Amino acid sequence: MAEEEESPQERRERWMEREARKADERRPKKAKCASCGKDVEEGEFIEFEGRILCADCYADALEKDMDMGAAEGAGAG
């Protein structure tokens, strides 16, 4: 018997799975924090605004972003 042709949805799902595997293979297993220089392993770092940050530096970056947002909204009206 001839194989059934896969549906567009099945083809899309197969493509997404393949691309997810490729992305996982390219993800670094070890890195150095771009802010403090600390060596970190997979699961201990976050890519933020194109930089690898350890959890502490990421938290600091988020805090600074929130402070900047609050400052922009403050002032005489």
C-alpha atoms as a PDB file:
ATOM      1  CA  MET A   1       0.000   0.000   0.000  1.00  0.00           C
ATOM      2  CA  ALA A   2       1.076   3.562  -0.603  1.00  0.00           C
ATOM      3  CA  GLU A   3       1.905   5.763   2.363  1.00  0.00           C
ATOM      4  CA  GLU A   4      -0.538   8.484   3.211  1.00  0.00           C
ATOM      5  CA  GLU A   5       0.748  11.977   2.598  1.00  0.00           C
ATOM      6  CA  GLU A   6       1.245  13.914   5.824  1.00  0.00           C
ATOM      7  CA  SER A   7      -1.041  16.833   6.482  1.00  0.00           C
ATOM      8  CA  PRO A   8       0.266  20.407   6.644  1.00  0.00           C
ATOM      9  CA  GLN A   9      -0.224  20.269  10.432  1.00  0.00           C
ATOM     10  CA  GLU A  10       1.821  17.055  10.729  1.00  0.00           C
ATOM     11  CA  ARG A  11       4.549  18.504   8.507  1.00  0.00           C
ATOM     12  CA  ARG A  12       4.626  21.670  10.638  1.00  0.00           C
ATOM     13  CA  GLU A  13       4.876  19.665  13.883  1.00  0.00           C
ATOM     14  CA  ARG A  14       7.691  17.501  12.471  1.00  0.00           C
ATOM     15  CA  TRP A  15       9.556  20.637  11.355  1.00  0.00           C
ATOM     16  CA  MET A  16       9.109  22.312  14.769  1.00  0.00           C
ATOM     17  CA  GLU A  17      10.433  19.222  16.598  1.00  0.00           C
ATOM     18  CA  ARG A  18      13.484  19.080  14.322  1.00  0.00           C
ATOM     19  CA  GLU A  19      14.223  22.802  14.811  1.00  0.00           C
ATOM     20  CA  ALA A  20      13.820  22.468  18.608  1.00  0.00           C
ATOM     21  CA  ARG A  21      16.387  19.624  18.624  1.00  0.00           C
ATOM     22  CA  LYS A  22      18.810  21.738  16.571  1.00  0.00           C
ATOM     23  CA  ALA A  23      18.396  24.671  18.980  1.00  0.00           C
ATOM     24  CA  ASP A  24      19.090  22.404  21.968  1.00  0.00           C
ATOM     25  CA  GLU A  25      22.266  21.119  20.308  1.00  0.00           C
ATOM     26  CA  ARG A  26      23.525  24.669  19.707  1.00  0.00           C
ATOM     27  CA  ARG A  27      22.751  25.885  23.249  1.00  0.00           C
ATOM     28  CA  PRO A  28      25.963  26.134  25.286  1.00  0.00           C
ATOM     29  CA  LYS A  29      26.413  23.708  28.174  1.00  0.00           C
ATOM     30  CA  LYS A  30      28.838  26.039  29.982  1.00  0.00           C
ATOM     31  CA  ALA A  31      29.245  29.809  29.766  1.00  0.00           C
ATOM     32  CA  LYS A  32      30.715  32.828  31.492  1.00  0.00           C
ATOM     33  CA  CYS A  33      28.474  35.596  32.828  1.00  0.00           C
ATOM     34  CA  ALA A  34      28.926  38.681  30.662  1.00  0.00           C
ATOM     35  CA  SER A  35      28.469  40.912  33.691  1.00  0.00           C
ATOM     36  CA  CYS A  36      30.470  39.389  36.564  1.00  0.00           C
ATOM     37  CA  GLY A  37      32.587  36.794  34.731  1.00  0.00           C
ATOM     38  CA  LYS A  38      31.365  33.871  36.856  1.00  0.00           C
ATOM     39  CA  ASP A  39      31.556  30.427  35.178  1.00  0.00           C
ATOM     40  CA  VAL A  40      28.072  28.927  34.955  1.00  0.00           C
ATOM     41  CA  GLU A  41      26.695  25.638  33.659  1.00  0.00           C
ATOM     42  CA  GLU A  42      23.519  24.799  31.775  1.00  0.00           C
ATOM     43  CA  GLY A  43      20.479  25.727  33.860  1.00  0.00           C
ATOM     44  CA  GLU A  44      22.416  28.372  35.836  1.00  0.00           C
ATOM     45  CA  PHE A  45      22.381  31.123  33.204  1.00  0.00           C
ATOM     46  CA  ILE A  46      19.909  33.114  31.148  1.00  0.00           C
ATOM     47  CA  GLU A  47      20.331  34.840  27.809  1.00  0.00           C
ATOM     48  CA  PHE A  48      19.117  38.403  28.328  1.00  0.00           C
ATOM     49  CA  GLU A  49      19.307  41.127  25.687  1.00  0.00           C
ATOM     50  CA  GLY A  50      21.843  39.056  23.748  1.00  0.00           C
ATOM     51  CA  ARG A  51      24.129  38.443  26.740  1.00  0.00           C
ATOM     52  CA  ILE A  52      24.636  35.409  28.985  1.00  0.00           C
ATOM     53  CA  LEU A  53      23.963  36.316  32.627  1.00  0.00           C
ATOM     54  CA  CYS A  54      24.134  34.299  35.841  1.00  0.00           C
ATOM     55  CA  ALA A  55      20.969  34.291  37.959  1.00  0.00           C
ATOM     56  CA  ASP A  56      22.237  37.078  40.264  1.00  0.00           C
ATOM     57  CA  CYS A  57      23.207  39.421  37.424  1.00  0.00           C
ATOM     58  CA  TYR A  58      19.926  38.659  35.639  1.00  0.00           C
ATOM     59  CA  ALA A  59      17.982  39.639  38.768  1.00  0.00           C
ATOM     60  CA  ASP A  60      20.034  42.855  38.992  1.00  0.00           C
ATOM     61  CA  ALA A  61      19.341  43.628  35.317  1.00  0.00           C
ATOM     62  CA  LEU A  62      15.605  43.120  35.782  1.00  0.00           C
ATOM     63  CA  GLU A  63      15.627  45.339  38.866  1.00  0.00           C
ATOM     64  CA  LYS A  64      17.426  48.105  36.944  1.00  0.00           C
ATOM     65  CA  ASP A  65      14.910  47.806  34.083  1.00  0.00           C
ATOM     66  CA  MET A  66      12.018  48.148  36.534  1.00  0.00           C
ATOM     67  CA  ASP A  67      13.645  51.167  38.212  1.00  0.00           C
ATOM     68  CA  MET A  68      14.154  52.829  34.818  1.00  0.00           C
ATOM     69  CA  GLY A  69      10.506  52.186  33.920  1.00  0.00           C
ATOM     70  CA  ALA A  70       9.347  53.754  37.177  1.00  0.00           C
ATOM     71  CA  ALA A  71      11.609  56.768  36.612  1.00  0.00           C
ATOM     72  CA  GLU A  72      10.203  57.327  33.128  1.00  0.00           C
ATOM     73  CA  GLY A  73       6.676  57.433  34.508  1.00  0.00           C
ATOM     74  CA  ALA A  74       7.553  59.855  37.321  1.00  0.00           C
ATOM     75  CA  GLY A  75       7.791  63.581  37.121  1.00  0.00           C
ATOM     76  CA  ALA A  76       5.781  66.757  37.132  1.00  0.00           C
ATOM     77  CA  GLY A  77       2.714  66.551  34.972  1.00  0.00           C
END
